[in-house]
Protein backbone atom coordinates (compact mmCIF):
# COMPACT_ATOMS: atom_id res chain seq x y z
CA UNK A 1 16.39 16.21 -7.49
CA UNK A 2 19.46 13.76 -7.10
CA UNK A 3 20.40 12.73 -11.03
CA UNK A 4 21.72 9.24 -10.07
CA UNK A 5 23.19 8.62 -13.61
CA UNK A 6 25.15 11.61 -13.11
CA UNK A 7 25.98 10.03 -9.30
CA UNK A 8 27.18 6.64 -10.16
CA UNK A 9 29.19 8.49 -13.16
CA UNK A 10 31.28 10.33 -10.50
CA UNK A 11 31.07 8.14 -7.57
CA UNK A 12 33.07 5.55 -10.98
CA UNK A 13 35.71 7.94 -10.96
CA UNK A 14 35.76 8.24 -7.22
CA UNK A 15 36.56 4.34 -7.25
CA UNK A 16 39.49 5.29 -10.25
CA UNK A 17 41.46 7.70 -7.66
CA UNK A 18 40.61 5.66 -4.89
CA UNK A 19 42.20 2.37 -6.97
CA UNK A 20 45.38 3.98 -8.13
CA UNK A 21 45.89 5.58 -4.95
CA UNK A 22 49.64 5.15 -4.10
CA UNK A 23 48.64 5.75 -0.51
CA UNK A 24 49.13 2.67 1.88
CA UNK A 25 46.31 0.84 2.91
CA UNK A 26 43.62 2.91 1.67
CA UNK A 27 40.37 2.17 2.72
CA UNK A 28 37.49 0.57 -0.23
CA UNK A 29 34.37 2.16 1.00
CA UNK A 30 31.46 0.90 0.03
CA UNK A 31 28.96 4.40 -1.40
CA UNK A 32 25.07 3.06 -1.20
CA UNK A 33 22.79 5.01 -2.34
CA UNK A 34 19.12 5.05 -3.93
CA UNK A 35 17.98 5.10 -7.34
CA UNK A 36 15.39 7.19 -7.62
CA UNK A 37 13.34 6.02 -10.47
CA UNK A 38 12.73 3.50 -8.60
CA UNK A 39 9.91 5.40 -6.64
CA UNK A 40 8.14 5.63 -10.00
CA UNK A 41 6.88 2.39 -9.35
CA UNK A 42 4.23 2.58 -6.77
CA UNK A 43 0.79 1.68 -6.20
CA UNK A 44 -2.20 2.26 -3.72
CA UNK A 45 -3.19 -1.03 -1.83
CA UNK A 46 -5.94 -1.16 0.32
CA UNK A 47 -5.81 -4.92 1.45
CA UNK A 48 -3.60 -5.16 4.08
CA UNK A 49 -4.62 -3.23 6.48
CA UNK A 50 -8.40 -3.04 6.56
CA UNK A 51 -9.26 0.12 6.68
CA UNK A 52 -6.49 1.79 5.62
CA UNK A 53 -4.42 3.13 2.39
CA UNK A 54 -1.34 2.54 1.90
CA UNK A 55 1.83 3.88 -0.62
CA UNK A 56 3.72 1.10 -2.26
CA UNK A 57 7.31 1.97 -4.28
CA UNK A 58 9.81 -0.05 -4.87
CA UNK A 59 13.87 0.37 -3.40
CA UNK A 60 16.33 -0.11 -5.07
CA UNK A 61 20.59 0.45 -3.19
CA UNK A 62 23.04 0.30 -5.62
CA UNK A 63 26.88 0.18 -4.61
CA UNK A 64 28.72 2.91 -6.29
CA UNK A 65 31.64 2.80 -3.94
CA UNK A 66 35.12 1.31 -4.64
CA UNK A 67 35.01 -1.15 -1.91
CA UNK A 68 31.98 -3.95 -0.24
CA UNK A 69 29.68 -3.38 2.19
CA UNK A 70 29.81 -6.26 4.62
CA UNK A 71 27.90 -7.04 7.19
CA UNK A 72 28.78 -9.85 9.91
CA UNK A 73 27.11 -11.30 12.94
CA UNK A 74 29.89 -11.99 15.43
CA UNK A 75 27.69 -14.58 17.38
CA UNK A 76 27.72 -12.25 20.19
CA UNK A 77 25.11 -12.54 22.59
CA UNK A 78 22.71 -8.45 22.03
CA UNK A 79 19.85 -9.73 23.60
CA UNK A 80 16.11 -11.37 22.83
CA UNK A 81 17.76 -13.87 20.32
CA UNK A 82 19.86 -11.27 18.61
CA UNK A 83 23.32 -10.64 17.52
CA UNK A 84 26.03 -8.20 17.33
CA UNK A 85 27.44 -7.02 13.84
CA UNK A 86 30.19 -5.53 12.93
CA UNK A 87 30.79 -4.42 9.11
CA UNK A 88 33.74 -5.59 7.49
CA UNK A 89 35.77 -2.79 5.17
CA UNK A 90 38.45 -4.16 2.89
CA UNK A 91 41.81 -1.80 2.13
CA UNK A 92 43.71 -1.80 -0.86
CA UNK A 93 46.73 -3.70 -0.04
CA UNK A 94 44.21 -7.12 0.40
CA UNK A 95 43.41 -6.48 3.99
CA UNK A 96 40.59 -5.88 5.70
CA UNK A 97 39.25 -4.44 9.56
CA UNK A 98 35.97 -4.64 11.52
CA UNK A 99 34.37 -1.85 13.18
CA UNK A 100 30.84 -2.04 15.17
CA UNK A 101 27.64 -0.91 13.96
CA UNK A 102 23.97 -0.87 15.42
CA UNK A 103 22.99 -4.04 13.42
CA UNK A 104 21.55 -6.60 15.14
CA UNK A 105 21.00 -10.00 13.57
CA UNK A 106 17.99 -11.72 14.05
CA UNK A 107 18.08 -15.09 13.03
CA UNK A 108 14.99 -15.94 14.32
CA UNK A 109 12.82 -13.57 12.27
CA UNK A 110 14.69 -14.44 8.74
CA UNK A 111 17.94 -14.56 9.24
CA UNK A 112 17.58 -10.49 8.79
CA UNK A 113 19.16 -7.64 10.45
CA UNK A 114 17.67 -5.26 12.10
CA UNK A 115 18.64 -1.89 12.03
CA UNK A 116 16.37 1.91 13.01
CA UNK A 117 17.31 4.28 10.63
CA UNK A 118 18.21 2.00 6.90
CA UNK A 119 15.75 3.34 4.70
CA UNK A 120 12.94 6.23 6.38
CA UNK A 121 9.65 7.34 4.07
CA UNK A 122 8.41 10.57 3.56
CA UNK A 123 4.97 12.08 2.65
CA UNK A 124 6.07 16.22 1.94
CA UNK A 125 4.57 19.05 1.99
CA UNK A 126 5.49 20.81 -1.13
CA UNK A 127 5.81 24.52 -0.61
CA UNK A 128 5.96 27.22 -3.59
CA UNK A 129 8.72 27.27 -6.22
CA UNK A 130 8.96 23.42 -5.60
CA UNK A 131 10.23 23.88 -1.85
CA UNK A 132 9.76 21.14 0.33
CA UNK A 133 7.64 21.01 3.32
CA UNK A 134 6.99 19.09 6.63
CA UNK A 135 6.65 15.99 7.04
CA UNK A 136 2.91 14.53 6.73
CA UNK A 137 3.64 11.15 6.40
CA UNK A 138 6.38 8.64 7.81
CA UNK A 139 7.23 5.05 7.41
CA UNK A 140 10.49 2.68 7.60
CA UNK A 141 12.09 -0.31 7.04
CA UNK A 142 13.50 -1.99 10.04
CA UNK A 143 14.00 -5.85 9.30
CA UNK A 144 15.92 -6.20 6.00
CA UNK A 145 17.45 -9.06 4.52
CA UNK A 146 20.77 -7.29 2.55
CA UNK A 147 21.94 -8.86 -0.37
CA UNK A 148 23.45 -8.25 -4.06
CA UNK A 149 19.85 -8.39 -5.59
CA UNK A 150 20.69 -6.90 -9.28
CA UNK A 151 23.33 -5.62 -11.14
CA UNK A 152 23.07 -2.24 -11.61
CA UNK A 153 23.96 -0.30 -14.52
CA UNK A 154 26.24 2.44 -14.30
CA UNK A 155 26.86 3.97 -17.43
CA UNK A 156 30.39 2.82 -17.20
CA UNK A 157 32.48 -0.34 -15.69
CA UNK A 158 33.11 -0.07 -12.15
CA UNK A 159 36.60 -1.26 -10.56
CA UNK A 160 36.37 -3.75 -7.83
CA UNK A 161 32.85 -5.19 -9.66
CA UNK A 162 33.02 -8.61 -9.11
CA UNK A 163 31.91 -10.82 -12.17
CA UNK A 164 28.24 -12.42 -12.09
CA UNK A 165 28.07 -15.40 -9.08
CA UNK A 166 31.28 -13.27 -7.18
CA UNK A 167 28.37 -11.13 -5.98
CA UNK A 168 27.64 -10.81 -2.00
CA UNK A 169 24.79 -13.41 -1.24
CA UNK A 170 22.95 -12.88 2.07
CA UNK A 171 24.23 -16.17 4.42
CA UNK A 172 22.55 -16.57 7.86
CA UNK A 173 24.35 -14.02 9.48
CA UNK A 174 26.68 -12.59 7.02
CA UNK A 175 24.89 -9.83 4.98
CA UNK A 176 26.10 -6.91 2.00
CA UNK A 177 26.39 -5.33 -1.21
CA UNK A 178 28.95 -6.22 -3.89
CA UNK A 179 29.91 -3.43 -5.98
CA UNK A 180 28.30 -2.48 -9.22
CA UNK A 181 25.20 -4.26 -7.70
CA UNK A 182 22.42 -3.60 -5.56
CA UNK A 183 19.69 -4.84 -3.03
CA UNK A 184 16.07 -4.48 -4.60
CA UNK A 185 13.24 -4.34 -2.29
CA UNK A 186 9.61 -5.40 -4.60
CA UNK A 187 7.19 -2.94 -3.53
CA UNK A 188 4.64 -6.20 -1.99
CA UNK A 189 7.62 -6.51 1.05
CA UNK A 190 7.05 -5.90 4.99
CA UNK A 191 6.53 -2.19 5.15
CA UNK A 192 7.49 -1.01 1.84
CA UNK A 193 4.83 1.27 1.92
CA UNK A 194 4.07 5.02 3.39
CA UNK A 195 0.23 5.10 5.35
CA UNK A 196 -1.55 7.75 3.60
CA UNK A 197 -4.78 7.19 4.78
CA UNK A 198 -6.68 10.64 4.89
CA UNK A 199 -4.41 12.70 3.17
CA UNK A 200 -6.15 15.08 0.81
CA UNK A 201 -6.05 14.06 -2.84
CA UNK A 202 -3.63 16.86 -4.23
CA UNK A 203 0.92 16.39 -4.94
CA UNK A 204 3.17 15.91 -3.01
CA UNK A 205 6.37 14.95 -2.17
CA UNK A 206 7.55 11.04 -1.19
CA UNK A 207 11.15 10.86 -0.13
CA UNK A 208 13.37 7.99 1.31
CA UNK A 209 16.57 8.66 3.45
CA UNK A 210 19.02 5.87 3.50
CA UNK A 211 21.44 5.20 6.76
CA UNK A 212 19.93 8.72 8.35
CA UNK A 213 21.76 7.94 11.11
CA UNK A 214 24.96 6.91 9.63
CA UNK A 215 25.31 3.16 10.82
CA UNK A 216 27.19 2.30 7.35
CA UNK A 217 31.19 4.03 6.77
CA UNK A 218 31.27 4.71 3.50
CA UNK A 219 32.34 7.24 1.05
CA UNK A 220 29.58 10.08 0.75
CA UNK A 221 27.20 10.55 3.13
CA UNK A 222 25.63 12.99 1.17
CA UNK A 223 23.75 11.29 -1.20
CA UNK A 224 21.90 8.71 0.55
CA UNK A 225 17.86 10.41 0.04
CA UNK A 226 15.98 10.73 -3.23
CA UNK A 227 12.85 12.50 -3.74
CA UNK A 228 10.17 13.05 -6.48
CA UNK A 229 6.55 14.30 -6.43
CA UNK A 230 3.40 11.83 -6.06
CA UNK A 231 -0.25 12.97 -7.13
CA UNK A 232 -2.50 11.01 -4.65
CA UNK A 233 -6.04 10.52 -5.61
CA UNK A 234 -9.00 11.52 -3.80
CA UNK A 235 -10.02 8.53 -1.01
CA UNK A 236 -10.37 5.31 -2.33
CA UNK A 237 -10.39 3.94 1.10
CA UNK A 238 -13.95 1.81 1.11
CA UNK A 239 -13.80 0.35 4.71
CA UNK A 240 -17.25 -1.58 4.51
CA UNK A 241 -16.09 -3.12 0.83
CA UNK A 242 -19.48 -2.33 -0.22
CA UNK A 243 -17.45 -0.66 -3.96
CA UNK A 244 -18.55 2.65 -2.37
CA UNK A 245 -15.35 4.40 -0.99
CA UNK A 246 -15.69 6.14 1.76
CA UNK A 247 -15.67 9.92 0.74
CA UNK A 248 -19.12 8.67 -1.80
CA UNK A 249 -20.94 7.56 1.32
CA UNK A 250 -20.29 10.07 3.22
CA UNK A 251 -21.75 12.76 0.07
CA UNK A 252 -24.75 10.46 0.21
CA UNK A 253 -25.34 9.82 3.04
CA UNK A 254 -24.45 6.36 3.84
CA UNK A 255 -22.98 4.38 6.48
CA UNK A 256 -19.14 3.82 5.37
CA UNK A 257 -18.87 1.28 8.08
CA UNK A 258 -22.51 -0.77 7.03
CA UNK A 259 -22.20 -2.57 3.67
CA UNK A 260 -25.97 -2.42 4.16
CA UNK A 261 -26.54 0.35 5.27
CA UNK A 262 -30.70 -0.25 6.14
CA UNK A 263 -30.45 -3.78 6.43
CA UNK A 264 -32.59 -4.85 3.70
CA UNK A 265 -30.41 -7.15 2.11
CA UNK A 266 -29.55 -4.87 -0.49
CA UNK A 267 -25.28 -3.85 -0.69
CA UNK A 268 -25.42 0.34 -0.21
CA UNK A 269 -23.62 0.14 -4.00
CA UNK A 270 -26.46 -1.64 -4.96
CA UNK A 271 -29.18 0.68 -4.35
CA UNK A 272 -27.20 3.80 -4.98
CA UNK A 273 -26.37 2.39 -8.40
CA UNK A 274 -29.53 0.98 -9.22
CA UNK A 275 -29.33 3.16 -12.32
CA UNK A 276 -26.56 1.91 -12.77
CA UNK A 277 -24.03 4.71 -12.26
CA UNK A 278 -22.29 4.84 -8.84
CA UNK A 279 -21.00 8.36 -9.45
CA UNK A 280 -24.75 10.40 -9.03
CA UNK A 281 -27.09 9.14 -5.98
CA UNK A 282 -31.15 10.21 -7.18
CA UNK A 283 -32.61 8.03 -4.83
CA UNK A 284 -36.58 7.90 -5.32
CA UNK A 285 -39.36 9.14 -2.81
CA UNK A 286 -43.04 8.79 -3.71
CA UNK A 287 -43.92 12.23 -2.88
CA UNK A 288 -40.75 14.13 -2.69
CA UNK A 289 -38.55 12.99 -6.00
CA UNK A 290 -41.10 10.73 -7.86
CA UNK A 291 -38.49 10.72 -10.35
CA UNK A 292 -35.68 9.15 -8.55
CA UNK A 293 -34.03 6.84 -10.38
CA UNK A 294 -32.08 5.05 -7.48
CA UNK A 295 -33.07 3.28 -4.08
CA UNK A 296 -33.56 4.73 -1.13
CA UNK A 297 -30.55 3.50 1.04
CA UNK A 298 -31.65 4.15 3.64
CA UNK A 299 -35.30 2.71 3.59
CA UNK A 300 -35.99 -0.95 2.67
CA UNK A 301 -39.42 -0.24 0.82
CA UNK A 302 -38.51 2.79 -1.41
CA UNK A 303 -41.52 3.19 -2.79
CA UNK A 304 -43.98 2.77 0.48
CA UNK A 305 -46.25 -0.38 -0.66
CA UNK A 306 -45.45 -2.32 1.97
CA UNK A 307 -43.15 -4.34 0.16
CA UNK A 308 -39.56 -4.40 0.58
CA UNK A 309 -37.42 -3.95 -2.11
CA UNK A 310 -35.16 -6.98 -2.49
CA UNK A 311 -38.83 -8.79 -2.72
CA UNK A 312 -40.08 -6.37 -5.34
CA UNK A 313 -36.54 -7.37 -7.14
CA UNK A 314 -36.63 -10.91 -6.96
CA UNK A 315 -40.23 -11.45 -8.02
CA UNK A 316 -39.28 -8.69 -11.00
CA UNK A 317 -41.44 -5.84 -9.84
CA UNK A 318 -40.65 -2.08 -9.86
CA UNK A 319 -39.54 -1.26 -6.28
CA UNK A 320 -39.77 2.18 -7.43
CA UNK A 321 -43.42 2.02 -8.41
CA UNK A 322 -45.77 2.47 -5.58
CA UNK A 323 -48.85 0.69 -7.54
CA UNK A 324 -46.31 -2.29 -8.43
CA UNK A 325 -47.74 -4.98 -7.25
CA UNK A 326 -51.14 -3.97 -7.27
CA UNK A 327 -54.57 -5.89 -5.25
CA UNK A 328 -53.22 -9.19 -7.07
CA UNK A 329 -49.75 -9.38 -4.84
CA UNK A 330 -46.53 -10.38 -5.82
CA UNK A 331 -48.03 -13.02 -8.38
CA UNK A 332 -50.32 -10.70 -9.97
CA UNK A 333 -49.77 -7.64 -12.48
CA UNK A 334 -50.51 -4.33 -11.17
CA UNK A 335 -54.88 -4.22 -10.82
CA UNK A 336 -54.84 -7.68 -10.72
CA UNK A 337 -57.75 -9.23 -8.70
CA UNK A 338 -56.47 -10.38 -4.72
CA UNK A 339 -57.14 -13.71 -4.33
CA UNK A 340 -56.37 -16.13 -0.84
CA UNK A 341 -54.18 -17.82 -3.34
CA UNK A 342 -52.16 -14.99 -4.06
CA UNK A 343 -52.13 -13.62 -0.42
CA UNK A 344 -50.87 -17.24 0.71
CA UNK A 345 -48.14 -17.01 -1.86
CA UNK A 346 -47.37 -13.54 -0.68
CA UNK A 347 -46.63 -14.74 2.98
CA UNK A 348 -44.95 -17.95 1.29
CA UNK A 349 -42.54 -15.18 0.03
CA UNK A 350 -41.84 -12.29 2.77
CA UNK A 351 -41.14 -15.73 4.49
CA UNK A 352 -38.52 -16.70 1.83
CA UNK A 353 -37.75 -12.89 1.71
CA UNK A 354 -36.26 -12.86 5.73
CA UNK A 355 -34.43 -16.19 5.16
CA UNK A 356 -32.99 -14.65 2.22
CA UNK A 357 -32.28 -11.12 4.88
CA UNK A 358 -30.82 -13.87 7.62
CA UNK A 359 -28.16 -15.52 4.95
CA UNK A 360 -26.91 -12.37 3.83
CA UNK A 361 -26.48 -10.77 7.66
CA UNK A 362 -24.31 -13.99 8.37
CA UNK A 363 -22.18 -12.81 4.62
CA UNK A 364 -21.92 -9.72 5.85
CA UNK A 365 -18.30 -8.65 7.09
CA UNK A 366 -17.98 -8.90 10.85
CA UNK A 367 -18.48 -5.88 12.00
CA UNK A 368 -20.41 -4.68 9.80
CA UNK A 369 -23.57 -6.56 10.61
CA UNK A 370 -26.59 -3.99 12.62
């Protein structure tokens, strides 16, 4: 793994050498690197793209070279509302020149720069002896607003680092990163992630590669990648939003795409975790499993007494006991005498239960109803 503190120190020495050179018209080139420490600032996101699991992480791109990194839109039409962009390179005699780039300025997309290969993200297999294996997942950031977000501690002052307030700040079609500053991308930003949906739990390499296609003229092209090990948990994807992840639903036999597999008005989570434990599932059955402690998520009437689980719970009866309610109906305790009033009351309750079921069916997320 690259030690960026040592890298920054080496860059500082390089900057000193370039600044003190007596050769006329020496290019003061930027050196864009990646701060490996920001990769550790990561989190799992299952919200932005329903049904997908995203690994989000922060990114900091410091300029450790002796010169500024400057991009300037030329105003020349590149089609589709975009403009061509040049890189301005400063020289030690105070002059500068521009060179064409593959960057495109997109004013209609938030005044950002569009580029392929600016930042590519990979999840790689870890081989024996910490070898780097094949790419298992990939992502990329192709639309960026490049600016001097934060001053970076390089462990030593860098020549040509501007004073606070004088650093390059993105302004319309002018983007860049000043010497000693970095462009910070918080993990909540667009495309600051890799889709890890379906990857088994385990340890992987998380890798970032900067300027993969060498679009930027810089002092060093060999320090544009960073890599760390990261442990991914078992699936936390909950496609139907019922509180049980998809892996658990597969084990328990419930439908990961339906929050209420048996359409009884109780969510799969409520039935699996009826005994208070959602990590184990022990469904009651009056004949095959009379000692069960959870509701049967495949049946609306777990104990087979012709009253739905939802109705029994609503009126304080035990949905795991076929003797409750007894002959007296929902309004009587077990063993009570049934009367026409009880029967009428039961019919009212059944009607109310149906209304509750209809109400809950319309509250379930779209695509989760039977």
